[in-house]
Amino acid sequence: MTTVRTQSQGDDTPSTEDTPSAEDAPTTGKARKSTKARVLDVVRWVAILLVIGFAAKSLASNWDEFWHTLSDVAWQSSALSLVALILSIMVSTWGWQILVDHLGKPIGYARGAQICLVGSLGKYVPGSVWAYLLQMELGRKAGLARARIFTGSLIQLGVGVVSALVVSLLAAPAVFSNSPRAMWLFVLIPVGLALLHPRILTWGTSLVLKILRRPPLAEPLGWGVVLKTFGASMGAWVLQGVHLWLLANSVGAPGFSGLILCVGAMAVAMTVGTFAFILPSGVGVREVAQVAVLTASGLTVGQATAFAVASRVMFTVADLLTAGFAALAAKMTARRTAPVDAV
């Protein structure tokens, strides 16, 4: 059984199951890896190549329509739109790292980004659970307990959903005009905010871990880590909205009001896509939400659909770029620093 330590200072003390094996611990010589370690390395690489393959397939399937759409968009808007997406991913990753650092010895942004971003590519494989599994396995390779990685991702998911519900109010006029039943959002928002109270969030996380036969949190979450994670999620939604607005505004979507709608649209779309876990990266589901809001901002259905598809392709490009840079940065950092004890 895995043990989760949530001390802000001090080391994780995972149980035998998640204790880094000899091949994961730093060595002074050229120690040979065991057969098990070599097999695990091969499995990790196969998994990474598999998710990259699915991401590339998603990219290729929409590439023609993507370029056709961008031909009507100024290159400056397209470039800035991609930059906004990359920034949103970086901000979201920082929020994830804050949580993981709270659960044990700090790992740093470069190391955390490698685990989070490369692992997140698993969302392109049907069944979004693969992203969490890959993150845990990459964390294990880095010497961190799987339970620590899973707990951080679990808390970020909950905080992210609540922040998305709050931001979705920006798109409320468009959402409610197309779907009056969406009024239940007003009920979920105060409930979600109440659940973010550190005591309640700690209790809820421990309950989920107990159901999954994992030990509860050893140290409660504090306001600092919750607010930082919530702020990172809010920042990510805003930047993703800016990304969509830069595309849509190029063909006449209303200025500032269009920006507000786009921010709300991305929060709604990405949240809906998250819970469509059977589909790879919520394919098809989040586009429906985007189109509904974009048409309310003055775009035709054809234009809105084209921008939704273009947004998905740009998300894939941004995911691949950030994951690649994170892996490269972590490797360069590891070469510059001396080996340290496993976390």
C-alpha atoms as a PDB file:
ATOM      1  CA  MET A   1       0.000   0.000   0.000  1.00  0.00           C
ATOM      2  CA  THR A   2       1.297   3.448  -0.952  1.00  0.00           C
ATOM      3  CA  THR A   3       1.919   6.074   1.700  1.00  0.00           C
ATOM      4  CA  VAL A   4       1.357   9.729   0.857  1.00  0.00           C
ATOM      5  CA  ARG A   5       3.299  12.301   2.827  1.00  0.00           C
ATOM      6  CA  THR A   6       2.039  15.858   2.592  1.00  0.00           C
ATOM      7  CA  GLN A   7       4.645  17.621   4.640  1.00  0.00           C
ATOM      8  CA  SER A   8       5.660  20.877   3.038  1.00  0.00           C
ATOM      9  CA  GLN A   9       9.146  20.275   4.360  1.00  0.00           C
ATOM     10  CA  GLY A  10      10.798  16.934   4.539  1.00  0.00           C
ATOM     11  CA  ASP A  11      10.887  13.906   2.320  1.00  0.00           C
ATOM     12  CA  ASP A  12       8.156  11.637   1.049  1.00  0.00           C
ATOM     13  CA  THR A  13       8.315   8.260   2.695  1.00  0.00           C
ATOM     14  CA  PRO A  14       6.575   5.908   0.292  1.00  0.00           C
ATOM     15  CA  SER A  15       6.011   2.303   1.217  1.00  0.00           C
ATOM     16  CA  THR A  16       7.828  -0.624  -0.325  1.00  0.00           C
ATOM     17  CA  GLU A  17       5.565  -0.572  -3.368  1.00  0.00           C
ATOM     18  CA  ASP A  18       6.539   2.938  -4.420  1.00  0.00           C
ATOM     19  CA  THR A  19      10.013   3.154  -2.901  1.00  0.00           C
ATOM     20  CA  PRO A  20      12.438   3.906  -5.731  1.00  0.00           C
ATOM     21  CA  SER A  21      14.381   0.804  -6.561  1.00  0.00           C
ATOM     22  CA  ALA A  22      18.124   0.660  -6.832  1.00  0.00           C
ATOM     23  CA  GLU A  23      18.056   1.576 -10.481  1.00  0.00           C
ATOM     24  CA  ASP A  24      16.127   4.800  -9.689  1.00  0.00           C
ATOM     25  CA  ALA A  25      18.468   5.897  -6.919  1.00  0.00           C
ATOM     26  CA  PRO A  26      21.572   7.931  -7.723  1.00  0.00           C
ATOM     27  CA  THR A  27      24.739   5.942  -8.197  1.00  0.00           C
ATOM     28  CA  THR A  28      28.363   6.877  -8.298  1.00  0.00           C
ATOM     29  CA  GLY A  29      29.427   4.246 -10.777  1.00  0.00           C
ATOM     30  CA  LYS A  30      28.025   2.803 -13.937  1.00  0.00           C
ATOM     31  CA  ALA A  31      25.738   0.421 -12.160  1.00  0.00           C
ATOM     32  CA  ARG A  32      23.925  -1.923 -14.476  1.00  0.00           C
ATOM     33  CA  LYS A  33      20.160  -1.754 -14.501  1.00  0.00           C
ATOM     34  CA  SER A  34      18.210  -4.804 -13.519  1.00  0.00           C
ATOM     35  CA  THR A  35      16.099  -6.624 -16.065  1.00  0.00           C
ATOM     36  CA  LYS A  36      12.940  -5.234 -14.465  1.00  0.00           C
ATOM     37  CA  ALA A  37      14.260  -1.685 -14.736  1.00  0.00           C
ATOM     38  CA  ARG A  38      15.119  -2.136 -18.398  1.00  0.00           C
ATOM     39  CA  VAL A  39      11.686  -3.578 -19.132  1.00  0.00           C
ATOM     40  CA  LEU A  40       9.990  -0.652 -17.342  1.00  0.00           C
ATOM     41  CA  ASP A  41      12.087   1.809 -19.338  1.00  0.00           C
ATOM     42  CA  VAL A  42      10.990   0.158 -22.578  1.00  0.00           C
ATOM     43  CA  VAL A  43       7.346   0.190 -21.481  1.00  0.00           C
ATOM     44  CA  ARG A  44       7.558   3.897 -20.604  1.00  0.00           C
ATOM     45  CA  TRP A  45       9.054   4.764 -23.974  1.00  0.00           C
ATOM     46  CA  VAL A  46       6.482   2.664 -25.815  1.00  0.00           C
ATOM     47  CA  ALA A  47       3.705   4.428 -23.888  1.00  0.00           C
ATOM     48  CA  ILE A  48       5.150   7.865 -24.703  1.00  0.00           C
ATOM     49  CA  LEU A  49       5.527   7.000 -28.393  1.00  0.00           C
ATOM     50  CA  LEU A  50       1.982   5.634 -28.428  1.00  0.00           C
ATOM     51  CA  VAL A  51       0.419   8.817 -27.042  1.00  0.00           C
ATOM     52  CA  ILE A  52       2.521  10.944 -29.394  1.00  0.00           C
ATOM     53  CA  GLY A  53       1.244   8.804 -32.251  1.00  0.00           C
ATOM     54  CA  PHE A  54      -2.374   9.398 -31.226  1.00  0.00           C
ATOM     55  CA  ALA A  55      -1.681  13.133 -30.922  1.00  0.00           C
ATOM     56  CA  ALA A  56      -0.112  13.168 -34.388  1.00  0.00           C
ATOM     57  CA  LYS A  57      -3.126  11.308 -35.773  1.00  0.00           C
ATOM     58  CA  SER A  58      -5.443  13.916 -34.279  1.00  0.00           C
ATOM     59  CA  LEU A  59      -3.270  16.620 -35.823  1.00  0.00           C
ATOM     60  CA  ALA A  60      -3.251  15.047 -39.283  1.00  0.00           C
ATOM     61  CA  SER A  61      -6.999  14.380 -39.378  1.00  0.00           C
ATOM     62  CA  ASN A  62      -7.812  18.101 -39.053  1.00  0.00           C
ATOM     63  CA  TRP A  63      -4.779  19.608 -40.771  1.00  0.00           C
ATOM     64  CA  ASP A  64      -6.393  20.565 -44.100  1.00  0.00           C
ATOM     65  CA  GLU A  65      -9.351  22.328 -42.489  1.00  0.00           C
ATOM     66  CA  PHE A  66      -6.956  23.941 -40.025  1.00  0.00           C
ATOM     67  CA  TRP A  67      -4.879  25.581 -42.744  1.00  0.00           C
ATOM     68  CA  HIS A  68      -7.976  26.569 -44.708  1.00  0.00           C
ATOM     69  CA  THR A  69      -9.314  28.354 -41.636  1.00  0.00           C
ATOM     70  CA  LEU A  70      -6.034  30.098 -40.841  1.00  0.00           C
ATOM     71  CA  SER A  71      -5.776  31.404 -44.408  1.00  0.00           C
ATOM     72  CA  ASP A  72      -8.462  33.933 -43.448  1.00  0.00           C
ATOM     73  CA  VAL A  73      -6.714  34.907 -40.214  1.00  0.00           C
ATOM     74  CA  ALA A  74      -3.855  37.404 -39.981  1.00  0.00           C
ATOM     75  CA  TRP A  75      -0.610  35.599 -39.180  1.00  0.00           C
ATOM     76  CA  GLN A  76      -0.065  37.881 -36.193  1.00  0.00           C
ATOM     77  CA  SER A  77      -3.376  36.753 -34.692  1.00  0.00           C
ATOM     78  CA  SER A  78      -2.553  33.099 -35.335  1.00  0.00           C
ATOM     79  CA  ALA A  79       0.897  33.419 -33.766  1.00  0.00           C
ATOM     80  CA  LEU A  80      -0.378  35.282 -30.722  1.00  0.00           C
ATOM     81  CA  SER A  81      -3.195  32.751 -30.370  1.00  0.00           C
ATOM     82  CA  LEU A  82      -0.670  29.917 -30.193  1.00  0.00           C
ATOM     83  CA  VAL A  83       1.460  31.871 -27.706  1.00  0.00           C
ATOM     84  CA  ALA A  84      -1.603  32.385 -25.481  1.00  0.00           C
ATOM     85  CA  LEU A  85      -2.231  28.635 -25.523  1.00  0.00           C
ATOM     86  CA  ILE A  86       1.352  27.827 -24.607  1.00  0.00           C
ATOM     87  CA  LEU A  87       1.215  30.332 -21.744  1.00  0.00           C
ATOM     88  CA  SER A  88      -2.035  28.790 -20.499  1.00  0.00           C
ATOM     89  CA  ILE A  89      -0.418  25.356 -20.404  1.00  0.00           C
ATOM     90  CA  MET A  90       2.601  26.728 -18.537  1.00  0.00           C
ATOM     91  CA  VAL A  91       0.387  28.455 -15.966  1.00  0.00           C
ATOM     92  CA  SER A  92      -1.710  25.330 -15.453  1.00  0.00           C
ATOM     93  CA  THR A  93       1.460  23.264 -15.014  1.00  0.00           C
ATOM     94  CA  TRP A  94       2.661  25.691 -12.345  1.00  0.00           C
ATOM     95  CA  GLY A  95      -0.577  25.115 -10.447  1.00  0.00           C
ATOM     96  CA  TRP A  96      -0.014  21.352 -10.644  1.00  0.00           C
ATOM     97  CA  GLN A  97       3.563  21.714  -9.439  1.00  0.00           C
ATOM     98  CA  ILE A  98       2.414  23.808  -6.457  1.00  0.00           C
ATOM     99  CA  LEU A  99       0.248  20.904  -5.327  1.00  0.00           C
ATOM    100  CA  VAL A 100       2.898  18.241  -5.867  1.00  0.00           C
ATOM    101  CA  ASP A 101       5.456  20.343  -3.999  1.00  0.00           C
ATOM    102  CA  HIS A 102       3.019  20.667  -1.094  1.00  0.00           C
ATOM    103  CA  LEU A 103       2.808  16.879  -0.880  1.00  0.00           C
ATOM    104  CA  GLY A 104       6.515  16.398  -0.292  1.00  0.00           C
ATOM    105  CA  LYS A 105       9.982  17.655  -1.054  1.00  0.00           C
ATOM    106  CA  PRO A 106       9.826  20.374  -3.774  1.00  0.00           C
ATOM    107  CA  ILE A 107      10.682  19.055  -7.236  1.00  0.00           C
ATOM    108  CA  GLY A 108      11.035  22.345  -9.146  1.00  0.00           C
ATOM    109  CA  TYR A 109       9.231  23.581 -12.236  1.00  0.00           C
ATOM    110  CA  ALA A 110      11.441  21.913 -14.869  1.00  0.00           C
ATOM    111  CA  ARG A 111      11.160  18.487 -13.313  1.00  0.00           C
ATOM    112  CA  GLY A 112       7.459  18.901 -12.586  1.00  0.00           C
ATOM    113  CA  ALA A 113       6.722  20.140 -16.110  1.00  0.00           C
ATOM    114  CA  GLN A 114       8.361  17.072 -17.619  1.00  0.00           C
ATOM    115  CA  ILE A 115       6.129  14.761 -15.580  1.00  0.00           C
ATOM    116  CA  CYS A 116       2.965  16.808 -15.996  1.00  0.00           C
ATOM    117  CA  LEU A 117       3.216  17.816 -19.657  1.00  0.00           C
ATOM    118  CA  VAL A 118       4.611  14.615 -21.152  1.00  0.00           C
ATOM    119  CA  GLY A 119       2.142  12.608 -19.084  1.00  0.00           C
ATOM    120  CA  SER A 120      -0.735  14.838 -20.179  1.00  0.00           C
ATOM    121  CA  LEU A 121      -0.271  13.654 -23.753  1.00  0.00           C
ATOM    122  CA  GLY A 122      -2.025  10.488 -22.606  1.00  0.00           C
ATOM    123  CA  LYS A 123      -5.319  12.377 -22.989  1.00  0.00           C
ATOM    124  CA  TYR A 124      -5.086  11.811 -26.731  1.00  0.00           C
ATOM    125  CA  VAL A 125      -5.528   8.083 -26.186  1.00  0.00           C
ATOM    126  CA  PRO A 126      -9.238   7.153 -25.893  1.00  0.00           C
ATOM    127  CA  GLY A 127     -10.009   7.197 -22.190  1.00  0.00           C
ATOM    128  CA  SER A 128      -8.455  10.202 -20.435  1.00  0.00           C
ATOM    129  CA  VAL A 129      -7.328   7.994 -17.562  1.00  0.00           C
ATOM    130  CA  TRP A 130      -4.170   7.299 -19.558  1.00  0.00           C
ATOM    131  CA  ALA A 131      -2.893  10.809 -18.868  1.00  0.00           C
ATOM    132  CA  TYR A 132      -2.971  10.178 -15.111  1.00  0.00           C
ATOM    133  CA  LEU A 133      -1.406   6.740 -15.456  1.00  0.00           C
ATOM    134  CA  LEU A 134       1.426   8.083 -17.590  1.00  0.00           C
ATOM    135  CA  GLN A 135       2.038  10.964 -15.192  1.00  0.00           C
ATOM    136  CA  MET A 136       2.266   8.529 -12.278  1.00  0.00           C
ATOM    137  CA  GLU A 137       4.672   6.300 -14.165  1.00  0.00           C
ATOM    138  CA  LEU A 138       6.895   9.217 -15.181  1.00  0.00           C
ATOM    139  CA  GLY A 139       6.837  10.440 -11.585  1.00  0.00           C
ATOM    140  CA  ARG A 140       7.836   6.951 -10.414  1.00  0.00           C
ATOM    141  CA  LYS A 141      10.746   7.006 -12.852  1.00  0.00           C
ATOM    142  CA  ALA A 142      11.824  10.338 -11.343  1.00  0.00           C
ATOM    143  CA  GLY A 143      11.785   8.763  -7.874  1.00  0.00           C
ATOM    144  CA  LEU A 144       8.428  10.125  -6.675  1.00  0.00           C
ATOM    145  CA  ALA A 145       5.656   8.011  -5.213  1.00  0.00           C
ATOM    146  CA  ARG A 146       2.853   7.304  -7.675  1.00  0.00           C
ATOM    147  CA  ALA A 147       0.306   8.264  -5.012  1.00  0.00           C
ATOM    148  CA  ARG A 148       1.889  11.706  -4.683  1.00  0.00           C
ATOM    149  CA  ILE A 149       1.531  12.390  -8.415  1.00  0.00           C
ATOM    150  CA  PHE A 150      -2.019  11.039  -8.522  1.00  0.00           C
ATOM    151  CA  THR A 151      -3.076  13.076  -5.498  1.00  0.00           C
ATOM    152  CA  GLY A 152      -1.723  16.293  -7.014  1.00  0.00           C
ATOM    153  CA  SER A 153      -3.529  15.627 -10.302  1.00  0.00           C
ATOM    154  CA  LEU A 154      -6.734  14.701  -8.485  1.00  0.00           C
ATOM    155  CA  ILE A 155      -6.812  17.928  -6.456  1.00  0.00           C
ATOM    156  CA  GLN A 156      -5.968  20.047  -9.490  1.00  0.00           C
ATOM    157  CA  LEU A 157      -8.830  18.442 -11.412  1.00  0.00           C
ATOM    158  CA  GLY A 158     -11.317  19.347  -8.686  1.00  0.00           C
ATOM    159  CA  VAL A 159     -10.031  22.908  -8.299  1.00  0.00           C
ATOM    160  CA  GLY A 160      -9.958  23.331 -12.079  1.00  0.00           C
ATOM    161  CA  VAL A 161     -13.572  22.261 -12.478  1.00  0.00           C
ATOM    162  CA  VAL A 162     -14.761  24.724  -9.821  1.00  0.00           C
ATOM    163  CA  SER A 163     -12.762  27.589 -11.340  1.00  0.00           C
ATOM    164  CA  ALA A 164     -14.185  26.709 -14.769  1.00  0.00           C
ATOM    165  CA  LEU A 165     -17.718  26.868 -13.398  1.00  0.00           C
ATOM    166  CA  VAL A 166     -16.993  30.353 -12.062  1.00  0.00           C
ATOM    167  CA  VAL A 167     -15.476  31.540 -15.347  1.00  0.00           C
ATOM    168  CA  SER A 168     -18.327  29.949 -17.327  1.00  0.00           C
ATOM    169  CA  LEU A 169     -20.623  32.664 -15.965  1.00  0.00           C
ATOM    170  CA  LEU A 170     -18.962  34.985 -18.490  1.00  0.00           C
ATOM    171  CA  ALA A 171     -20.641  32.978 -21.238  1.00  0.00           C
ATOM    172  CA  ALA A 172     -23.909  32.616 -19.330  1.00  0.00           C
ATOM    173  CA  PRO A 173     -26.055  34.711 -21.722  1.00  0.00           C
ATOM    174  CA  ALA A 174     -25.042  32.601 -24.716  1.00  0.00           C
ATOM    175  CA  VAL A 175     -25.169  29.312 -22.847  1.00  0.00           C
ATOM    176  CA  PHE A 176     -28.569  29.926 -21.269  1.00  0.00           C
ATOM    177  CA  SER A 177     -30.125  31.183 -24.516  1.00  0.00           C
ATOM    178  CA  ASN A 178     -29.182  27.915 -26.219  1.00  0.00           C
ATOM    179  CA  SER A 179     -29.763  25.645 -23.242  1.00  0.00           C
ATOM    180  CA  PRO A 180     -32.085  26.912 -20.487  1.00  0.00           C
ATOM    181  CA  ARG A 181     -31.361  23.773 -18.474  1.00  0.00           C
ATOM    182  CA  ALA A 182     -27.832  25.078 -17.934  1.00  0.00           C
ATOM    183  CA  MET A 183     -29.271  27.151 -15.077  1.00  0.00           C
ATOM    184  CA  TRP A 184     -28.116  24.344 -12.768  1.00  0.00           C
ATOM    185  CA  LEU A 185     -24.690  25.956 -13.051  1.00  0.00           C
ATOM    186  CA  PHE A 186     -25.871  28.550 -10.534  1.00  0.00           C
ATOM    187  CA  VAL A 187     -26.411  25.732  -8.047  1.00  0.00           C
ATOM    188  CA  LEU A 188     -23.085  24.025  -8.674  1.00  0.00           C
ATOM    189  CA  ILE A 189     -20.961  27.169  -8.358  1.00  0.00           C
ATOM    190  CA  PRO A 190     -21.618  27.959  -4.662  1.00  0.00           C
ATOM    191  CA  VAL A 191     -21.417  24.247  -3.845  1.00  0.00           C
ATOM    192  CA  GLY A 192     -18.107  23.983  -5.671  1.00  0.00           C
ATOM    193  CA  LEU A 193     -16.677  27.048  -3.959  1.00  0.00           C
ATOM    194  CA  ALA A 194     -17.679  25.645  -0.569  1.00  0.00           C
ATOM    195  CA  LEU A 195     -15.913  22.389  -1.405  1.00  0.00           C
ATOM    196  CA  LEU A 196     -12.690  24.341  -1.970  1.00  0.00           C
ATOM    197  CA  HIS A 197     -12.439  25.195   1.721  1.00  0.00           C
ATOM    198  CA  PRO A 198      -9.118  23.601   2.754  1.00  0.00           C
ATOM    199  CA  ARG A 199     -10.718  21.426   5.430  1.00  0.00           C
ATOM    200  CA  ILE A 200     -13.448  20.153   3.129  1.00  0.00           C
ATOM    201  CA  LEU A 201     -11.031  19.686   0.218  1.00  0.00           C
ATOM    202  CA  THR A 202      -8.648  17.751   2.454  1.00  0.00           C
ATOM    203  CA  TRP A 203     -11.479  15.551   3.702  1.00  0.00           C
ATOM    204  CA  GLY A 204     -12.823  14.960   0.185  1.00  0.00           C
ATOM    205  CA  THR A 205      -9.403  14.090  -1.217  1.00  0.00           C
ATOM    206  CA  SER A 206      -8.729  11.689   1.641  1.00  0.00           C
ATOM    207  CA  LEU A 207     -12.117  10.067   1.074  1.00  0.00           C
ATOM    208  CA  VAL A 208     -11.364   9.475  -2.611  1.00  0.00           C
ATOM    209  CA  LEU A 209      -7.948   8.078  -1.710  1.00  0.00           C
ATOM    210  CA  LYS A 210      -9.581   5.766   0.824  1.00  0.00           C
ATOM    211  CA  ILE A 211     -12.012   4.501  -1.810  1.00  0.00           C
ATOM    212  CA  LEU A 212      -9.020   3.831  -4.058  1.00  0.00           C
ATOM    213  CA  ARG A 213      -7.377   1.991  -1.140  1.00  0.00           C
ATOM    214  CA  ARG A 214      -4.753   4.650  -0.606  1.00  0.00           C
ATOM    215  CA  PRO A 215      -3.901   6.308   2.721  1.00  0.00           C
ATOM    216  CA  PRO A 216      -5.490   9.714   3.441  1.00  0.00           C
ATOM    217  CA  LEU A 217      -3.525  12.951   3.388  1.00  0.00           C
ATOM    218  CA  ALA A 218      -1.135  13.103   6.326  1.00  0.00           C
ATOM    219  CA  GLU A 219      -1.218  16.919   6.433  1.00  0.00           C
ATOM    220  CA  PRO A 220      -4.193  19.160   5.594  1.00  0.00           C
ATOM    221  CA  LEU A 221      -4.182  21.523   2.656  1.00  0.00           C
ATOM    222  CA  GLY A 222      -3.846  25.212   3.469  1.00  0.00           C
ATOM    223  CA  TRP A 223      -5.365  28.364   2.020  1.00  0.00           C
ATOM    224  CA  GLY A 224      -2.080  29.262   0.341  1.00  0.00           C
ATOM    225  CA  VAL A 225      -1.836  26.182  -1.852  1.00  0.00           C
ATOM    226  CA  VAL A 226      -5.588  26.170  -2.627  1.00  0.00           C
ATOM    227  CA  LEU A 227      -5.659  29.829  -3.672  1.00  0.00           C
ATOM    228  CA  LYS A 228      -2.520  29.501  -5.790  1.00  0.00           C
ATOM    229  CA  THR A 229      -3.956  26.466  -7.581  1.00  0.00           C
ATOM    230  CA  PHE A 230      -7.303  28.198  -8.072  1.00  0.00           C
ATOM    231  CA  GLY A 231      -5.578  31.320  -9.404  1.00  0.00           C
ATOM    232  CA  ALA A 232      -3.485  29.253 -11.819  1.00  0.00           C
ATOM    233  CA  SER A 233      -6.628  27.574 -13.151  1.00  0.00           C
ATOM    234  CA  MET A 234      -8.383  30.918 -13.585  1.00  0.00           C
ATOM    235  CA  GLY A 235      -5.356  32.302 -15.400  1.00  0.00           C
ATOM    236  CA  ALA A 236      -5.268  29.298 -17.716  1.00  0.00           C
ATOM    237  CA  TRP A 237      -8.961  29.707 -18.629  1.00  0.00           C
ATOM    238  CA  VAL A 238      -8.467  33.401 -19.387  1.00  0.00           C
ATOM    239  CA  LEU A 239      -5.473  32.725 -21.627  1.00  0.00           C
ATOM    240  CA  GLN A 240      -7.357  29.980 -23.464  1.00  0.00           C
ATOM    241  CA  GLY A 241     -10.210  32.409 -24.012  1.00  0.00           C
ATOM    242  CA  VAL A 242      -7.748  34.947 -25.407  1.00  0.00           C
ATOM    243  CA  HIS A 243      -6.494  32.229 -27.767  1.00  0.00           C
ATOM    244  CA  LEU A 244      -9.992  31.628 -29.172  1.00  0.00           C
ATOM    245  CA  TRP A 245     -10.827  35.332 -29.306  1.00  0.00           C
ATOM    246  CA  LEU A 246      -7.709  36.136 -31.343  1.00  0.00           C
ATOM    247  CA  LEU A 247      -8.914  33.679 -33.969  1.00  0.00           C
ATOM    248  CA  ALA A 248     -12.581  34.671 -33.952  1.00  0.00           C
ATOM    249  CA  ASN A 249     -11.975  38.426 -33.730  1.00  0.00           C
ATOM    250  CA  SER A 250     -10.097  38.315 -37.017  1.00  0.00           C
ATOM    251  CA  VAL A 251     -13.384  37.820 -38.905  1.00  0.00           C
ATOM    252  CA  GLY A 252     -15.522  40.228 -36.952  1.00  0.00           C
ATOM    253  CA  ALA A 253     -16.475  38.743 -33.594  1.00  0.00           C
ATOM    254  CA  PRO A 254     -17.417  41.627 -31.226  1.00  0.00           C
ATOM    255  CA  GLY A 255     -14.388  43.132 -29.500  1.00  0.00           C
ATOM    256  CA  PHE A 256     -14.368  43.110 -25.708  1.00  0.00           C
ATOM    257  CA  SER A 257     -17.751  41.421 -25.360  1.00  0.00           C
ATOM    258  CA  GLY A 258     -16.510  38.717 -27.719  1.00  0.00           C
ATOM    259  CA  LEU A 259     -13.428  38.256 -25.532  1.00  0.00           C
ATOM    260  CA  ILE A 260     -15.597  37.782 -22.439  1.00  0.00           C
ATOM    261  CA  LEU A 261     -17.714  35.202 -24.255  1.00  0.00           C
ATOM    262  CA  CYS A 262     -14.655  33.356 -25.549  1.00  0.00           C
ATOM    263  CA  VAL A 263     -13.155  33.083 -22.061  1.00  0.00           C
ATOM    264  CA  GLY A 264     -16.403  31.641 -20.747  1.00  0.00           C
ATOM    265  CA  ALA A 265     -16.721  29.376 -23.792  1.00  0.00           C
ATOM    266  CA  MET A 266     -13.297  27.829 -23.276  1.00  0.00           C
ATOM    267  CA  ALA A 267     -14.009  27.185 -19.596  1.00  0.00           C
ATOM    268  CA  VAL A 268     -17.280  25.441 -20.471  1.00  0.00           C
ATOM    269  CA  ALA A 269     -15.837  23.544 -23.427  1.00  0.00           C
ATOM    270  CA  MET A 270     -12.704  22.275 -21.704  1.00  0.00           C
ATOM    271  CA  THR A 271     -14.637  21.189 -18.613  1.00  0.00           C
ATOM    272  CA  VAL A 272     -17.204  19.305 -20.683  1.00  0.00           C
ATOM    273  CA  GLY A 273     -14.341  17.735 -22.636  1.00  0.00           C
ATOM    274  CA  THR A 274     -12.662  16.628 -19.418  1.00  0.00           C
ATOM    275  CA  PHE A 275     -15.681  14.597 -18.362  1.00  0.00           C
ATOM    276  CA  ALA A 276     -16.142  13.058 -21.805  1.00  0.00           C
ATOM    277  CA  PHE A 277     -13.439  10.624 -20.699  1.00  0.00           C
ATOM    278  CA  ILE A 278     -14.331   7.923 -23.213  1.00  0.00           C
ATOM    279  CA  LEU A 279     -13.268  10.176 -26.081  1.00  0.00           C
ATOM    280  CA  PRO A 280      -9.641  11.218 -26.740  1.00  0.00           C
ATOM    281  CA  SER A 281      -9.207  14.688 -25.254  1.00  0.00           C
ATOM    282  CA  GLY A 282     -12.976  15.249 -25.286  1.00  0.00           C
ATOM    283  CA  VAL A 283     -13.001  15.170 -29.083  1.00  0.00           C
ATOM    284  CA  GLY A 284     -16.204  16.541 -30.559  1.00  0.00           C
ATOM    285  CA  VAL A 285     -17.707  17.489 -27.197  1.00  0.00           C
ATOM    286  CA  ARG A 286     -15.877  20.708 -26.455  1.00  0.00           C
ATOM    287  CA  GLU A 287     -16.323  21.868 -30.070  1.00  0.00           C
ATOM    288  CA  VAL A 288     -20.100  21.809 -29.598  1.00  0.00           C
ATOM    289  CA  ALA A 289     -19.803  24.174 -26.626  1.00  0.00           C
ATOM    290  CA  GLN A 290     -17.412  26.456 -28.502  1.00  0.00           C
ATOM    291  CA  VAL A 291     -19.671  26.655 -31.549  1.00  0.00           C
ATOM    292  CA  ALA A 292     -22.728  27.453 -29.412  1.00  0.00           C
ATOM    293  CA  VAL A 293     -21.014  30.435 -27.791  1.00  0.00           C
ATOM    294  CA  LEU A 294     -19.255  31.687 -30.918  1.00  0.00           C
ATOM    295  CA  THR A 295     -22.492  31.763 -32.903  1.00  0.00           C
ATOM    296  CA  ALA A 296     -24.018  33.828 -30.105  1.00  0.00           C
ATOM    297  CA  SER A 297     -21.183  36.340 -30.556  1.00  0.00           C
ATOM    298  CA  GLY A 298     -22.103  36.946 -34.190  1.00  0.00           C
ATOM    299  CA  LEU A 299     -20.243  34.246 -36.153  1.00  0.00           C
ATOM    300  CA  THR A 300     -21.993  31.908 -38.564  1.00  0.00           C
ATOM    301  CA  VAL A 301     -22.183  28.215 -37.719  1.00  0.00           C
ATOM    302  CA  GLY A 302     -19.630  27.498 -40.445  1.00  0.00           C
ATOM    303  CA  GLN A 303     -17.163  30.054 -39.107  1.00  0.00           C
ATOM    304  CA  ALA A 304     -17.639  28.931 -35.511  1.00  0.00           C
ATOM    305  CA  THR A 305     -17.111  25.291 -36.451  1.00  0.00           C
ATOM    306  CA  ALA A 306     -13.971  26.131 -38.413  1.00  0.00           C
ATOM    307  CA  PHE A 307     -12.480  28.049 -35.481  1.00  0.00           C
ATOM    308  CA  ALA A 308     -13.371  25.242 -33.071  1.00  0.00           C
ATOM    309  CA  VAL A 309     -11.485  22.773 -35.263  1.00  0.00           C
ATOM    310  CA  ALA A 310      -8.564  25.195 -35.625  1.00  0.00           C
ATOM    311  CA  SER A 311      -8.499  25.603 -31.841  1.00  0.00           C
ATOM    312  CA  ARG A 312      -8.269  21.838 -31.348  1.00  0.00           C
ATOM    313  CA  VAL A 313      -5.339  21.571 -33.781  1.00  0.00           C
ATOM    314  CA  MET A 314      -3.539  24.452 -32.088  1.00  0.00           C
ATOM    315  CA  PHE A 315      -4.086  22.775 -28.717  1.00  0.00           C
ATOM    316  CA  THR A 316      -2.402  19.642 -30.048  1.00  0.00           C
ATOM    317  CA  VAL A 317       0.512  21.650 -31.427  1.00  0.00           C
ATOM    318  CA  ALA A 318       0.883  23.518 -28.120  1.00  0.00           C
ATOM    319  CA  ASP A 319       0.729  20.262 -26.123  1.00  0.00           C
ATOM    320  CA  LEU A 320       3.442  18.663 -28.249  1.00  0.00           C
ATOM    321  CA  LEU A 321       5.655  21.764 -28.147  1.00  0.00           C
ATOM    322  CA  THR A 322       5.411  22.276 -24.400  1.00  0.00           C
ATOM    323  CA  ALA A 323       5.910  18.573 -23.652  1.00  0.00           C
ATOM    324  CA  GLY A 324       8.959  18.470 -25.920  1.00  0.00           C
ATOM    325  CA  PHE A 325      10.509  21.598 -24.421  1.00  0.00           C
ATOM    326  CA  ALA A 326       9.762  20.371 -20.879  1.00  0.00           C
ATOM    327  CA  ALA A 327      11.463  17.041 -21.516  1.00  0.00           C
ATOM    328  CA  LEU A 328      14.479  18.780 -23.062  1.00  0.00           C
ATOM    329  CA  ALA A 329      14.726  21.341 -20.255  1.00  0.00           C
ATOM    330  CA  ALA A 330      14.513  18.664 -17.577  1.00  0.00           C
ATOM    331  CA  LYS A 331      17.245  16.642 -19.255  1.00  0.00           C
ATOM    332  CA  MET A 332      19.524  19.686 -19.550  1.00  0.00           C
ATOM    333  CA  THR A 333      18.865  20.579 -15.912  1.00  0.00           C
ATOM    334  CA  ALA A 334      19.704  17.037 -14.817  1.00  0.00           C
ATOM    335  CA  ARG A 335      23.026  17.206 -16.634  1.00  0.00           C
ATOM    336  CA  ARG A 336      23.966  20.495 -14.974  1.00  0.00           C
ATOM    337  CA  THR A 337      23.133  19.436 -11.440  1.00  0.00           C
ATOM    338  CA  ALA A 338      24.652  16.783  -9.263  1.00  0.00           C
ATOM    339  CA  PRO A 339      22.513  13.722  -8.360  1.00  0.00           C
ATOM    340  CA  VAL A 340      20.269  14.216  -5.352  1.00  0.00           C
ATOM    341  CA  ASP A 341      18.473  11.769  -3.139  1.00  0.00           C
ATOM    342  CA  ALA A 342      15.214  10.421  -4.504  1.00  0.00           C
ATOM    343  CA  VAL A 343      12.150  12.315  -3.279  1.00  0.00           C
END
